[in-house]
Amino acid sequence: MKLRGSKLHLVSSGGGMRGRIGTFPLRRLVPLSVTLFALCLGLTAIRLAIEGRFDLAVGAIILACVMDFLDGLLARLLKSASKFGAELDSLADCLNFGIAPPMLLYLWTMDGLGNFGWICALFYAICCALRLARFNTDLDEKGKSAAAQAWESAYFIGVPAPSGAGLVLIPFYLHFLGVIPGMVAAPASAILCIAVGLLMVSRIPTFSLKTTTRIRPDLVLPLLLMIAFLGAVIANYPWMSFTAMALLYIAVIPISAASYGRARAAAASMEESRQTPAPAAPPSSPPAPEQKSAGGGSDRSKSA
């Protein structure tokens, strides 16, 4: 195995002969490494919750959400997307956003609800697993279908797993702000597990940023300023910021559904106009024959 340039060369030596088996571009390791780092964050969040350090555990889940966004973005920018990376990402998402969040809630407060609390945690985890399985199936079908619409990639069907994790952790945000009392945290967490689980397996369209890789030059500086401002706000008011972002996401869901409906209607109208044949031109009528006069001449010669 040798490293040459930006590719990893696999070689074999046997009987004095050396031959190159294949190469693996190193750029493909970048998004895979980010995915594995996110997986470590999800597992660490469960350990922190067992130790009672729930603020750090919630922070690890949120950081895993950021890593999940970055690995997909890097895979598209570096053109290193692969089937292996997609499967690894789904497995990591199932742990980070389907298992870790309800485990945190159960270890924190839902264990006081007995079997009902555990059932709510299981319900959320199952819904997240089903949502990821459906997402992978839809990707395969769109890849095989030549008629897949380009506009569909701008939407998710159902709330994605990272967003679901951010929503189901709302009781933690409010608790750290001192808003939600302990006696209300358990039933609120249980209800939220069921509600967010249903949103993930629903057919409600939500906006997707996975196709956004380029912006206009005049938007670069405003975007950088907004990112810097958002980072400063999160650094100083983390739980208030996460609460506001979660509520804003919920408010945008009806807007995304309406936008999906308009885009779908426009695509259907355009497809129908392409398939409808243009109306045939009416046949031209033959010229009327000249009328002969009684004297044998035509009307034109007679009028002359």
Protein backbone atom coordinates (compact mmCIF):
# COMPACT_ATOMS: atom_id res chain seq x y z
CA MET A 1 0.00 0.00 0.00
CA LYS A 2 1.58 3.28 -1.12
CA LEU A 3 0.56 6.91 -1.03
CA ARG A 4 1.16 8.75 -4.28
CA GLY A 5 -0.18 12.23 -4.77
CA SER A 6 -3.81 12.32 -3.70
CA LYS A 7 -4.56 8.64 -4.27
CA LEU A 8 -3.99 5.56 -2.18
CA HIS A 9 -2.50 2.76 -4.28
CA LEU A 10 -3.04 -0.83 -3.21
CA VAL A 11 -0.31 -3.16 -4.45
CA SER A 12 0.32 -6.85 -4.02
CA SER A 13 3.60 -8.69 -4.02
CA GLY A 14 3.79 -12.38 -4.64
CA GLY A 15 6.36 -14.55 -6.39
CA GLY A 16 8.56 -11.54 -7.02
CA MET A 17 5.85 -9.83 -9.04
CA ARG A 18 4.26 -6.54 -8.00
CA GLY A 19 1.02 -5.36 -9.47
CA ARG A 20 -1.33 -2.53 -8.63
CA ILE A 21 -4.75 -3.76 -7.51
CA GLY A 22 -6.57 -0.44 -7.42
CA THR A 23 -6.67 3.14 -6.18
CA PHE A 24 -8.88 4.97 -3.71
CA PRO A 25 -8.99 8.80 -3.90
CA LEU A 26 -8.08 10.34 -0.57
CA ARG A 27 -10.76 12.99 -0.96
CA ARG A 28 -13.34 10.29 -0.28
CA LEU A 29 -11.92 9.84 3.21
CA VAL A 30 -12.85 13.41 4.20
CA PRO A 31 -16.67 13.04 4.40
CA LEU A 32 -16.32 9.50 5.78
CA SER A 33 -14.10 10.79 8.59
CA VAL A 34 -16.64 13.49 9.44
CA THR A 35 -19.39 10.86 9.58
CA LEU A 36 -17.35 8.69 11.93
CA PHE A 37 -16.65 11.72 14.14
CA ALA A 38 -20.40 12.38 14.33
CA LEU A 39 -20.94 8.73 15.28
CA CYS A 40 -18.47 9.14 18.15
CA LEU A 41 -20.38 12.22 19.31
CA GLY A 42 -23.66 10.29 19.44
CA LEU A 43 -22.14 7.49 21.51
CA THR A 44 -20.44 10.00 23.79
CA ALA A 45 -23.75 11.78 24.34
CA ILE A 46 -25.25 8.57 25.75
CA ARG A 47 -22.28 8.13 28.08
CA LEU A 48 -22.56 11.74 29.27
CA ALA A 49 -26.27 11.24 29.94
CA ILE A 50 -25.53 8.12 32.01
CA GLU A 51 -23.08 10.21 34.04
CA GLY A 52 -25.73 12.90 34.55
CA ARG A 53 -24.00 15.59 32.46
CA PHE A 54 -27.02 16.33 30.31
CA ASP A 55 -25.91 19.77 29.12
CA LEU A 56 -22.79 18.30 27.53
CA ALA A 57 -24.82 15.38 26.18
CA VAL A 58 -27.26 17.72 24.41
CA GLY A 59 -24.33 19.73 23.07
CA ALA A 60 -22.81 16.56 21.61
CA ILE A 61 -26.08 15.77 19.78
CA ILE A 62 -26.26 19.29 18.36
CA LEU A 63 -22.64 19.09 17.23
CA ALA A 64 -23.45 15.76 15.57
CA CYS A 65 -26.22 17.56 13.63
CA VAL A 66 -23.65 20.05 12.37
CA MET A 67 -21.29 17.21 11.39
CA ASP A 68 -24.10 15.48 9.51
CA PHE A 69 -24.68 18.61 7.45
CA LEU A 70 -20.96 19.01 6.77
CA ASP A 71 -20.31 15.44 5.62
CA GLY A 72 -22.98 15.67 2.94
CA LEU A 73 -21.78 19.10 1.86
CA LEU A 74 -18.16 17.93 1.64
CA ALA A 75 -19.18 14.83 -0.32
CA ARG A 76 -20.92 17.01 -2.91
CA LEU A 77 -18.18 19.65 -3.11
CA LEU A 78 -15.39 17.09 -3.37
CA LYS A 79 -17.46 14.86 -5.69
CA SER A 80 -16.75 11.95 -3.40
CA ALA A 81 -20.28 10.67 -2.79
CA SER A 82 -20.51 6.87 -2.79
CA LYS A 83 -22.91 4.11 -1.87
CA PHE A 84 -20.66 3.14 1.04
CA GLY A 85 -20.74 6.69 2.39
CA ALA A 86 -24.52 6.88 2.09
CA GLU A 87 -24.99 3.63 4.02
CA LEU A 88 -22.51 4.68 6.72
CA ASP A 89 -24.25 8.03 7.05
CA SER A 90 -27.64 6.35 7.52
CA LEU A 91 -26.29 4.04 10.22
CA ALA A 92 -24.69 6.98 12.02
CA ASP A 93 -27.92 9.00 11.74
CA CYS A 94 -29.93 6.15 13.23
CA LEU A 95 -27.71 6.15 16.31
CA ASN A 96 -27.11 9.89 16.63
CA PHE A 97 -30.64 11.10 15.96
CA GLY A 98 -32.83 8.05 16.44
CA ILE A 99 -31.41 6.36 19.55
CA ALA A 100 -29.37 8.92 21.46
CA PRO A 101 -32.04 11.69 21.84
CA PRO A 102 -34.79 9.47 23.33
CA MET A 103 -32.19 7.79 25.54
CA LEU A 104 -31.21 11.21 26.88
CA LEU A 105 -34.84 12.08 27.56
CA TYR A 106 -35.53 8.73 29.21
CA LEU A 107 -32.47 8.88 31.45
CA TRP A 108 -33.30 12.47 32.36
CA THR A 109 -37.01 12.41 33.16
CA MET A 110 -39.13 9.92 31.19
CA ASP A 111 -38.06 7.01 33.37
CA GLY A 112 -40.45 8.47 35.95
CA LEU A 113 -43.33 7.55 33.64
CA GLY A 114 -42.49 3.85 33.88
CA ASN A 115 -43.31 1.66 30.90
CA PHE A 116 -45.13 4.49 29.11
CA GLY A 117 -41.98 6.60 29.03
CA TRP A 118 -39.97 3.73 27.57
CA ILE A 119 -42.68 3.06 24.97
CA CYS A 120 -42.52 6.71 23.85
CA ALA A 121 -38.74 6.47 23.52
CA LEU A 122 -39.07 3.28 21.47
CA PHE A 123 -41.74 4.89 19.28
CA TYR A 124 -39.46 7.78 18.40
CA ALA A 125 -36.51 5.48 17.64
CA ILE A 126 -38.64 3.24 15.41
CA CYS A 127 -40.05 6.23 13.52
CA CYS A 128 -36.54 7.55 12.90
CA ALA A 129 -35.37 4.17 11.59
CA LEU A 130 -38.36 3.94 9.26
CA ARG A 131 -37.78 7.47 8.04
CA LEU A 132 -34.14 6.71 7.18
CA ALA A 133 -35.11 3.46 5.43
CA ARG A 134 -37.69 5.30 3.33
CA PHE A 135 -35.16 8.02 2.49
CA ASN A 136 -32.65 5.44 1.21
CA THR A 137 -35.35 3.70 -0.81
CA ASP A 138 -36.46 6.98 -2.37
CA LEU A 139 -32.86 7.75 -3.31
CA ASP A 140 -32.51 4.40 -5.09
CA GLU A 141 -35.79 4.85 -6.96
CA LYS A 142 -34.92 8.39 -8.05
CA GLY A 143 -31.52 7.22 -9.22
CA LYS A 144 -33.11 4.53 -11.38
CA SER A 145 -35.92 6.71 -12.70
CA ALA A 146 -35.00 8.93 -15.61
CA ALA A 147 -38.20 10.91 -15.12
CA ALA A 148 -37.30 12.15 -11.64
CA GLN A 149 -37.87 15.88 -11.37
CA ALA A 150 -34.94 18.11 -10.48
CA TRP A 151 -37.10 20.27 -8.22
CA GLU A 152 -37.80 17.31 -5.91
CA SER A 153 -34.24 17.43 -4.55
CA ALA A 154 -35.03 20.78 -2.94
CA TYR A 155 -37.42 19.09 -0.47
CA PHE A 156 -37.43 16.30 2.08
CA ILE A 157 -40.49 14.12 2.53
CA GLY A 158 -41.11 14.27 6.26
CA VAL A 159 -38.92 15.94 8.85
CA PRO A 160 -35.30 14.71 8.43
CA ALA A 161 -33.63 12.86 11.29
CA PRO A 162 -31.23 15.66 12.39
CA SER A 163 -34.08 18.17 12.52
CA GLY A 164 -36.19 15.67 14.45
CA ALA A 165 -33.42 15.34 17.02
CA GLY A 166 -33.23 19.10 17.36
CA LEU A 167 -36.99 19.30 17.90
CA VAL A 168 -37.31 16.45 20.38
CA LEU A 169 -34.66 18.05 22.61
CA ILE A 170 -36.79 21.18 23.16
CA PRO A 171 -37.60 20.14 26.78
CA PHE A 172 -33.88 20.20 27.52
CA TYR A 173 -33.53 23.73 26.10
CA LEU A 174 -36.43 25.00 28.19
CA HIS A 175 -35.18 23.22 31.28
CA PHE A 176 -31.73 24.80 30.97
CA LEU A 177 -33.45 28.17 30.61
CA GLY A 178 -35.44 27.51 33.78
CA VAL A 179 -38.75 27.70 31.93
CA ILE A 180 -40.11 24.16 32.25
CA PRO A 181 -40.52 22.71 35.77
CA GLY A 182 -39.51 19.16 36.59
CA MET A 183 -43.05 17.84 37.01
CA VAL A 184 -43.98 18.95 33.49
CA ALA A 185 -40.78 17.78 31.78
CA ALA A 186 -41.66 14.07 31.72
CA PRO A 187 -45.11 14.26 30.08
CA ALA A 188 -43.95 17.03 27.73
CA SER A 189 -40.99 14.91 26.62
CA ALA A 190 -43.20 11.88 26.05
CA ILE A 191 -45.72 13.85 23.97
CA LEU A 192 -42.92 15.44 21.97
CA CYS A 193 -41.37 12.03 21.22
CA ILE A 194 -44.65 10.87 19.71
CA ALA A 195 -45.31 14.11 17.80
CA VAL A 196 -41.82 14.40 16.30
CA GLY A 197 -41.80 10.70 15.45
CA LEU A 198 -45.01 11.15 13.48
CA LEU A 199 -43.56 14.17 11.69
CA MET A 200 -40.55 12.13 10.59
CA VAL A 201 -42.62 9.34 9.02
CA SER A 202 -45.22 11.72 7.58
CA ARG A 203 -45.41 12.81 3.94
CA ILE A 204 -45.16 16.51 4.82
CA PRO A 205 -42.57 18.19 2.55
CA THR A 206 -39.83 20.22 4.23
CA PHE A 207 -37.12 22.41 2.75
CA SER A 208 -33.74 20.88 1.99
CA LEU A 209 -30.41 22.69 1.66
CA LYS A 210 -28.53 19.74 0.17
CA THR A 211 -28.63 21.20 -3.36
CA THR A 212 -27.39 24.64 -2.29
CA THR A 213 -23.67 24.67 -3.11
CA ARG A 214 -23.35 28.06 -4.86
CA ILE A 215 -24.57 31.56 -4.07
CA ARG A 216 -24.45 34.87 -5.89
CA PRO A 217 -21.27 36.92 -5.35
CA ASP A 218 -23.21 39.83 -3.85
CA LEU A 219 -24.53 37.52 -1.10
CA VAL A 220 -21.12 36.32 0.13
CA LEU A 221 -20.46 39.13 2.61
CA PRO A 222 -24.03 39.25 4.01
CA LEU A 223 -23.92 35.49 4.48
CA LEU A 224 -20.59 35.64 6.29
CA LEU A 225 -21.89 38.42 8.55
CA MET A 226 -25.01 36.41 9.32
CA ILE A 227 -22.96 33.31 10.15
CA ALA A 228 -20.67 35.34 12.42
CA PHE A 229 -23.64 36.96 14.16
CA LEU A 230 -25.38 33.61 14.60
CA GLY A 231 -22.21 32.07 16.01
CA ALA A 232 -21.84 34.92 18.49
CA VAL A 233 -25.47 34.60 19.61
CA ILE A 234 -25.20 30.82 20.05
CA ALA A 235 -21.94 31.17 21.99
CA ASN A 236 -23.52 33.62 24.45
CA TYR A 237 -27.14 32.41 24.52
CA PRO A 238 -26.99 28.73 23.44
CA TRP A 239 -30.25 27.37 24.84
CA MET A 240 -32.28 30.42 23.91
CA SER A 241 -30.85 30.23 20.38
CA PHE A 242 -31.63 26.54 19.99
CA THR A 243 -35.17 27.11 21.26
CA ALA A 244 -35.71 29.93 18.78
CA MET A 245 -34.32 27.88 15.87
CA ALA A 246 -36.54 24.91 16.77
CA LEU A 247 -39.66 27.08 16.94
CA LEU A 248 -38.71 28.79 13.67
CA TYR A 249 -38.31 25.41 11.99
CA ILE A 250 -41.78 24.37 13.13
CA ALA A 251 -43.22 27.64 11.77
CA VAL A 252 -41.57 27.10 8.36
CA ILE A 253 -43.07 23.62 7.85
CA PRO A 254 -46.43 24.92 6.48
CA ILE A 255 -44.53 27.29 4.18
CA SER A 256 -42.42 24.45 2.79
CA ALA A 257 -45.52 22.33 2.22
CA ALA A 258 -47.19 25.17 0.28
CA SER A 259 -44.02 25.76 -1.75
CA TYR A 260 -43.82 22.04 -2.59
CA GLY A 261 -47.42 22.09 -3.80
CA ARG A 262 -46.77 25.06 -6.11
CA ALA A 263 -43.58 23.51 -7.48
CA ARG A 264 -45.33 20.21 -8.11
CA ALA A 265 -48.24 21.89 -9.89
CA ALA A 266 -45.85 23.92 -12.06
CA ALA A 267 -43.85 20.79 -12.96
CA ALA A 268 -47.03 18.88 -13.81
CA SER A 269 -48.27 21.73 -16.00
CA MET A 270 -44.95 21.91 -17.83
CA GLU A 271 -44.90 18.15 -18.37
CA GLU A 272 -48.46 18.19 -19.68
CA SER A 273 -47.65 21.02 -22.09
CA ARG A 274 -44.68 19.04 -23.44
CA GLN A 275 -46.74 15.90 -23.98
CA THR A 276 -49.70 17.66 -25.59
CA PRO A 277 -49.19 17.76 -29.41
CA ALA A 278 -49.46 21.12 -31.09
CA PRO A 279 -52.77 21.63 -32.93
CA ALA A 280 -52.54 20.95 -36.65
CA ALA A 281 -52.87 23.94 -38.97
CA PRO A 282 -56.26 24.07 -40.74
CA PRO A 283 -56.10 23.01 -44.41
CA SER A 284 -55.95 25.92 -46.83
CA SER A 285 -59.09 26.26 -48.99
CA PRO A 286 -58.58 26.05 -52.78
CA PRO A 287 -59.06 29.31 -54.73
CA ALA A 288 -62.56 29.91 -55.99
CA PRO A 289 -62.96 29.26 -59.75
CA GLU A 290 -63.59 32.26 -61.97
CA GLN A 291 -67.18 32.70 -63.10
CA LYS A 292 -67.72 32.65 -66.84
CA SER A 293 -70.08 35.17 -68.32
CA ALA A 294 -72.75 34.35 -70.82
CA GLY A 295 -70.60 35.70 -73.68
CA GLY A 296 -67.84 33.25 -72.91
CA GLY A 297 -65.49 35.79 -71.25
CA SER A 298 -64.60 35.93 -67.62
CA ASP A 299 -65.94 38.53 -65.24
CA ARG A 300 -62.47 40.08 -64.99
CA SER A 301 -62.20 40.67 -68.76
CA LYS A 302 -65.74 41.90 -68.86
CA SER A 303 -65.18 44.46 -66.17
CA ALA A 304 -62.03 45.59 -67.94
